[in-house]
Amino acid sequence: TRDMYLNAAIERKNGVDELVQSIKDRSRFENELIRASKYPFTLLVEDLEGYQKILNGKYRSQYKPQSLLGSLKTFEVRYNFSTVFINPSATGNYIYHHFHYMARELLKGGFV
């Protein structure tokens, strides 16, 4: 018997407005991404319609939709993570299955 650790992270945002506020504080957000980029990383935004809200500018900030989307997608590429827009009621299920299948692959020797 030995301990097993999953070197992975999930960051959860409580909707598009929280995501926008995080991205607007660029240096802090980027520092978080730098630390997280050492491991597989997923950004969960609890808003199933979040991507569409970004495209249509339906959030409280005056941040332009093109600029917000450009910043988010640039950060995704730069720090190798993906953003998932999800219904809040499915968050727990997503997290459970995300780590369940990651552990399964690790145990099979397919995940490094």
N, C-alpha and C. Protein backbone atom coordinates (compact mmCIF):
# COMPACT_ATOMS: atom_id res chain seq x y z
N THR A 1 0.84 -1.18 0.00
CA THR A 1 0.00 0.00 0.00
C THR A 1 0.88 1.24 0.00
N ARG A 2 0.51 2.19 -0.83
CA ARG A 2 1.25 3.45 -0.87
C ARG A 2 0.28 4.59 -1.16
N ASP A 3 0.68 5.77 -0.78
CA ASP A 3 -0.15 6.94 -1.06
C ASP A 3 -0.03 7.30 -2.53
N MET A 4 -1.10 7.88 -3.05
CA MET A 4 -1.10 8.36 -4.42
C MET A 4 -1.63 9.79 -4.41
N TYR A 5 -0.96 10.66 -5.12
CA TYR A 5 -1.38 12.05 -5.18
C TYR A 5 -1.66 12.43 -6.62
N LEU A 6 -2.74 13.15 -6.82
CA LEU A 6 -3.06 13.67 -8.14
C LEU A 6 -2.59 15.11 -8.19
N ASN A 7 -1.64 15.37 -9.04
CA ASN A 7 -1.16 16.73 -9.20
C ASN A 7 -2.01 17.41 -10.27
N ALA A 8 -3.14 17.92 -9.84
CA ALA A 8 -4.07 18.58 -10.74
C ALA A 8 -4.87 19.59 -9.92
N ALA A 9 -5.48 20.52 -10.63
CA ALA A 9 -6.24 21.55 -9.92
C ALA A 9 -7.49 21.93 -10.70
N ILE A 10 -8.50 22.32 -9.95
CA ILE A 10 -9.71 22.91 -10.52
C ILE A 10 -9.95 24.21 -9.78
N GLU A 11 -10.09 25.27 -10.53
CA GLU A 11 -10.45 26.57 -9.97
C GLU A 11 -11.91 26.81 -10.33
N ARG A 12 -12.72 27.19 -9.35
CA ARG A 12 -14.14 27.41 -9.57
C ARG A 12 -14.46 28.90 -9.46
N LYS A 13 -15.20 29.39 -10.43
CA LYS A 13 -15.69 30.76 -10.39
C LYS A 13 -17.21 30.70 -10.32
N ASN A 14 -17.78 31.56 -9.49
CA ASN A 14 -19.22 31.58 -9.24
C ASN A 14 -19.94 32.42 -10.29
N GLY A 15 -19.68 32.16 -11.55
CA GLY A 15 -20.36 32.88 -12.63
C GLY A 15 -19.42 33.76 -13.42
N VAL A 16 -19.97 34.32 -14.48
CA VAL A 16 -19.19 35.15 -15.41
C VAL A 16 -18.69 36.42 -14.74
N ASP A 17 -19.51 37.03 -13.88
CA ASP A 17 -19.08 38.26 -13.23
C ASP A 17 -17.82 38.05 -12.40
N GLU A 18 -17.74 36.93 -11.68
CA GLU A 18 -16.54 36.64 -10.90
C GLU A 18 -15.35 36.38 -11.82
N LEU A 19 -15.58 35.70 -12.94
CA LEU A 19 -14.51 35.46 -13.91
C LEU A 19 -13.98 36.78 -14.45
N VAL A 20 -14.88 37.69 -14.81
CA VAL A 20 -14.48 38.99 -15.35
C VAL A 20 -13.64 39.75 -14.33
N GLN A 21 -14.08 39.77 -13.07
CA GLN A 21 -13.32 40.47 -12.03
C GLN A 21 -11.92 39.87 -11.88
N SER A 22 -11.83 38.55 -11.95
CA SER A 22 -10.51 37.90 -11.84
C SER A 22 -9.61 38.30 -13.00
N ILE A 23 -10.14 38.28 -14.20
CA ILE A 23 -9.33 38.60 -15.38
C ILE A 23 -8.93 40.07 -15.37
N LYS A 24 -9.81 40.95 -14.88
CA LYS A 24 -9.48 42.37 -14.82
C LYS A 24 -8.31 42.63 -13.88
N ASP A 25 -8.18 41.83 -12.83
CA ASP A 25 -7.03 41.94 -11.92
C ASP A 25 -5.92 41.06 -12.50
N ARG A 26 -5.39 41.48 -13.64
CA ARG A 26 -4.52 40.66 -14.47
C ARG A 26 -3.32 40.08 -13.73
N SER A 27 -2.61 40.91 -13.00
CA SER A 27 -1.38 40.40 -12.37
C SER A 27 -1.68 39.32 -11.34
N ARG A 28 -2.71 39.52 -10.55
CA ARG A 28 -3.07 38.50 -9.55
C ARG A 28 -3.54 37.22 -10.24
N PHE A 29 -4.43 37.36 -11.24
CA PHE A 29 -4.96 36.21 -11.96
C PHE A 29 -3.83 35.47 -12.67
N GLU A 30 -2.96 36.21 -13.31
CA GLU A 30 -1.85 35.57 -14.03
C GLU A 30 -0.90 34.86 -13.06
N ASN A 31 -0.66 35.43 -11.90
CA ASN A 31 0.17 34.74 -10.90
C ASN A 31 -0.47 33.42 -10.46
N GLU A 32 -1.80 33.41 -10.30
CA GLU A 32 -2.50 32.16 -9.97
C GLU A 32 -2.33 31.15 -11.09
N LEU A 33 -2.42 31.61 -12.33
CA LEU A 33 -2.29 30.71 -13.48
C LEU A 33 -0.86 30.17 -13.61
N ILE A 34 0.11 30.99 -13.30
CA ILE A 34 1.50 30.53 -13.35
C ILE A 34 1.70 29.39 -12.37
N ARG A 35 1.20 29.56 -11.15
CA ARG A 35 1.33 28.49 -10.15
C ARG A 35 0.56 27.24 -10.57
N ALA A 36 -0.61 27.43 -11.14
CA ALA A 36 -1.45 26.29 -11.52
C ALA A 36 -0.95 25.58 -12.76
N SER A 37 -0.18 26.26 -13.60
CA SER A 37 0.21 25.67 -14.88
C SER A 37 1.21 24.52 -14.75
N LYS A 38 1.71 24.28 -13.56
CA LYS A 38 2.62 23.16 -13.34
C LYS A 38 1.90 21.82 -13.42
N TYR A 39 0.59 21.85 -13.30
CA TYR A 39 -0.23 20.63 -13.26
C TYR A 39 -1.40 20.79 -14.22
N PRO A 40 -2.03 19.66 -14.57
CA PRO A 40 -3.27 19.79 -15.35
C PRO A 40 -4.27 20.67 -14.57
N PHE A 41 -4.88 21.58 -15.26
CA PHE A 41 -5.68 22.61 -14.61
C PHE A 41 -6.95 22.87 -15.41
N THR A 42 -8.07 23.00 -14.72
CA THR A 42 -9.35 23.32 -15.34
C THR A 42 -9.98 24.48 -14.60
N LEU A 43 -10.51 25.42 -15.34
CA LEU A 43 -11.24 26.55 -14.76
C LEU A 43 -12.72 26.29 -14.97
N LEU A 44 -13.46 26.10 -13.87
CA LEU A 44 -14.91 25.88 -13.93
C LEU A 44 -15.62 27.20 -13.67
N VAL A 45 -16.52 27.56 -14.55
CA VAL A 45 -17.34 28.75 -14.37
C VAL A 45 -18.77 28.25 -14.24
N GLU A 46 -19.35 28.48 -13.08
CA GLU A 46 -20.70 27.97 -12.79
C GLU A 46 -21.76 28.86 -13.45
N ASP A 47 -21.86 28.71 -14.75
CA ASP A 47 -22.86 29.40 -15.54
C ASP A 47 -22.90 28.71 -16.90
N LEU A 48 -23.90 27.91 -17.11
CA LEU A 48 -24.00 27.12 -18.33
C LEU A 48 -24.04 28.01 -19.57
N GLU A 49 -24.59 29.20 -19.44
CA GLU A 49 -24.68 30.14 -20.57
C GLU A 49 -23.53 31.15 -20.55
N GLY A 50 -22.49 30.87 -19.77
CA GLY A 50 -21.42 31.83 -19.58
C GLY A 50 -20.70 32.26 -20.84
N TYR A 51 -20.41 31.32 -21.72
CA TYR A 51 -19.70 31.66 -22.94
C TYR A 51 -20.54 32.62 -23.79
N GLN A 52 -21.83 32.32 -23.89
CA GLN A 52 -22.73 33.18 -24.66
C GLN A 52 -22.83 34.57 -24.00
N LYS A 53 -22.84 34.61 -22.68
CA LYS A 53 -22.88 35.90 -21.97
C LYS A 53 -21.64 36.71 -22.27
N ILE A 54 -20.48 36.05 -22.35
CA ILE A 54 -19.25 36.76 -22.69
C ILE A 54 -19.37 37.34 -24.10
N LEU A 55 -19.81 36.52 -25.05
CA LEU A 55 -19.94 36.99 -26.43
C LEU A 55 -20.88 38.18 -26.56
N ASN A 56 -21.94 38.19 -25.74
CA ASN A 56 -22.96 39.25 -25.82
C ASN A 56 -22.75 40.38 -24.83
N GLY A 57 -21.68 40.31 -24.03
CA GLY A 57 -21.41 41.37 -23.06
C GLY A 57 -22.42 41.41 -21.94
N LYS A 58 -23.02 40.29 -21.60
CA LYS A 58 -24.04 40.26 -20.53
C LYS A 58 -23.40 39.95 -19.18
N TYR A 59 -22.67 40.92 -18.67
CA TYR A 59 -22.04 40.85 -17.36
C TYR A 59 -21.93 42.28 -16.86
N ARG A 60 -21.64 42.44 -15.58
CA ARG A 60 -21.72 43.76 -14.96
C ARG A 60 -20.57 44.69 -15.33
N SER A 61 -19.46 44.18 -15.74
CA SER A 61 -18.29 45.00 -16.05
C SER A 61 -18.43 45.73 -17.39
N GLN A 62 -17.67 46.79 -17.55
CA GLN A 62 -17.63 47.51 -18.82
C GLN A 62 -16.58 46.93 -19.77
N TYR A 63 -15.95 45.85 -19.36
CA TYR A 63 -14.95 45.14 -20.17
C TYR A 63 -15.60 44.76 -21.50
N LYS A 64 -14.97 45.12 -22.61
CA LYS A 64 -15.52 44.80 -23.92
C LYS A 64 -15.51 43.29 -24.15
N PRO A 65 -16.58 42.75 -24.72
CA PRO A 65 -16.65 41.30 -24.95
C PRO A 65 -15.46 40.74 -25.72
N GLN A 66 -15.02 41.45 -26.79
CA GLN A 66 -13.88 40.97 -27.59
C GLN A 66 -12.61 40.92 -26.74
N SER A 67 -12.43 41.91 -25.90
CA SER A 67 -11.24 41.97 -25.04
C SER A 67 -11.27 40.88 -23.98
N LEU A 68 -12.44 40.67 -23.39
CA LEU A 68 -12.58 39.63 -22.37
C LEU A 68 -12.31 38.25 -22.97
N LEU A 69 -12.95 37.96 -24.09
CA LEU A 69 -12.75 36.66 -24.74
C LEU A 69 -11.29 36.50 -25.17
N GLY A 70 -10.71 37.56 -25.72
CA GLY A 70 -9.30 37.51 -26.11
C GLY A 70 -8.39 37.24 -24.94
N SER A 71 -8.64 37.88 -23.81
CA SER A 71 -7.82 37.65 -22.62
C SER A 71 -7.97 36.22 -22.12
N LEU A 72 -9.21 35.74 -22.03
CA LEU A 72 -9.45 34.38 -21.55
C LEU A 72 -8.77 33.35 -22.45
N LYS A 73 -8.96 33.47 -23.75
CA LYS A 73 -8.38 32.49 -24.67
C LYS A 73 -6.86 32.58 -24.72
N THR A 74 -6.31 33.77 -24.59
CA THR A 74 -4.86 33.93 -24.54
C THR A 74 -4.30 33.26 -23.30
N PHE A 75 -4.94 33.47 -22.15
CA PHE A 75 -4.50 32.81 -20.92
C PHE A 75 -4.60 31.30 -21.03
N GLU A 76 -5.68 30.80 -21.65
CA GLU A 76 -5.82 29.35 -21.82
C GLU A 76 -4.64 28.76 -22.59
N VAL A 77 -4.27 29.40 -23.66
CA VAL A 77 -3.15 28.91 -24.48
C VAL A 77 -1.83 29.08 -23.74
N ARG A 78 -1.63 30.24 -23.16
CA ARG A 78 -0.36 30.54 -22.49
C ARG A 78 -0.10 29.63 -21.30
N TYR A 79 -1.16 29.29 -20.55
CA TYR A 79 -0.98 28.52 -19.32
C TYR A 79 -1.59 27.11 -19.39
N ASN A 80 -1.96 26.70 -20.59
CA ASN A 80 -2.37 25.33 -20.86
C ASN A 80 -3.49 24.83 -19.93
N PHE A 81 -4.60 25.53 -19.94
CA PHE A 81 -5.77 25.09 -19.19
C PHE A 81 -7.00 25.25 -20.06
N SER A 82 -8.10 24.68 -19.62
CA SER A 82 -9.35 24.85 -20.34
C SER A 82 -10.40 25.41 -19.39
N THR A 83 -11.34 26.13 -19.98
CA THR A 83 -12.44 26.70 -19.22
C THR A 83 -13.70 25.91 -19.55
N VAL A 84 -14.42 25.52 -18.52
CA VAL A 84 -15.65 24.76 -18.68
C VAL A 84 -16.78 25.58 -18.06
N PHE A 85 -17.80 25.87 -18.86
CA PHE A 85 -18.99 26.56 -18.36
C PHE A 85 -20.00 25.48 -18.01
N ILE A 86 -20.47 25.50 -16.77
CA ILE A 86 -21.25 24.37 -16.26
C ILE A 86 -22.40 24.86 -15.39
N ASN A 87 -23.46 24.10 -15.36
CA ASN A 87 -24.58 24.38 -14.48
C ASN A 87 -24.10 24.16 -13.04
N PRO A 88 -24.34 25.09 -12.13
CA PRO A 88 -23.86 24.93 -10.75
C PRO A 88 -24.27 23.61 -10.10
N SER A 89 -25.43 23.09 -10.46
CA SER A 89 -25.89 21.84 -9.86
C SER A 89 -25.06 20.63 -10.32
N ALA A 90 -24.27 20.78 -11.38
CA ALA A 90 -23.46 19.68 -11.89
C ALA A 90 -21.99 19.79 -11.47
N THR A 91 -21.63 20.83 -10.75
CA THR A 91 -20.23 21.06 -10.40
C THR A 91 -19.63 19.90 -9.60
N GLY A 92 -20.30 19.47 -8.56
CA GLY A 92 -19.79 18.37 -7.74
C GLY A 92 -19.58 17.11 -8.56
N ASN A 93 -20.55 16.80 -9.41
CA ASN A 93 -20.45 15.62 -10.27
C ASN A 93 -19.26 15.75 -11.21
N TYR A 94 -19.08 16.92 -11.80
CA TYR A 94 -17.95 17.15 -12.71
C TYR A 94 -16.62 16.94 -11.99
N ILE A 95 -16.48 17.53 -10.83
CA ILE A 95 -15.22 17.42 -10.08
C ILE A 95 -14.94 15.97 -9.71
N TYR A 96 -15.96 15.28 -9.22
CA TYR A 96 -15.79 13.88 -8.84
C TYR A 96 -15.30 13.06 -10.03
N HIS A 97 -16.00 13.16 -11.15
CA HIS A 97 -15.64 12.35 -12.31
C HIS A 97 -14.32 12.78 -12.94
N HIS A 98 -14.02 14.04 -12.90
CA HIS A 98 -12.73 14.55 -13.41
C HIS A 98 -11.57 13.84 -12.70
N PHE A 99 -11.63 13.84 -11.38
CA PHE A 99 -10.54 13.23 -10.62
C PHE A 99 -10.63 11.70 -10.60
N HIS A 100 -11.83 11.17 -10.66
CA HIS A 100 -12.00 9.71 -10.71
C HIS A 100 -11.29 9.13 -11.93
N TYR A 101 -11.55 9.69 -13.09
CA TYR A 101 -10.95 9.15 -14.32
C TYR A 101 -9.47 9.51 -14.43
N MET A 102 -9.08 10.60 -13.83
CA MET A 102 -7.65 10.91 -13.78
C MET A 102 -6.91 9.87 -12.95
N ALA A 103 -7.46 9.54 -11.79
CA ALA A 103 -6.85 8.52 -10.92
C ALA A 103 -6.84 7.16 -11.63
N ARG A 104 -7.92 6.84 -12.29
CA ARG A 104 -7.99 5.58 -13.02
C ARG A 104 -6.89 5.46 -14.07
N GLU A 105 -6.68 6.52 -14.83
CA GLU A 105 -5.61 6.51 -15.84
C GLU A 105 -4.23 6.44 -15.20
N LEU A 106 -4.07 7.12 -14.09
CA LEU A 106 -2.79 7.07 -13.37
C LEU A 106 -2.51 5.64 -12.90
N LEU A 107 -3.50 4.97 -12.37
CA LEU A 107 -3.33 3.61 -11.89
C LEU A 107 -3.05 2.63 -13.04
N LYS A 108 -3.60 2.91 -14.22
CA LYS A 108 -3.34 2.07 -15.37
C LYS A 108 -1.97 2.37 -16.00
N GLY A 109 -1.34 3.44 -15.54
CA GLY A 109 -0.02 3.80 -16.07
C GLY A 109 -0.08 4.69 -17.29
N GLY A 110 -1.25 5.23 -17.62
CA GLY A 110 -1.38 6.03 -18.82
C GLY A 110 -1.29 7.52 -18.59
N PHE A 111 -1.17 7.95 -17.37
CA PHE A 111 -1.15 9.38 -17.07
C PHE A 111 0.09 9.71 -16.30
N VAL A 112 0.85 10.66 -16.77
CA VAL A 112 2.10 11.01 -16.09
C VAL A 112 1.98 12.39 -15.49
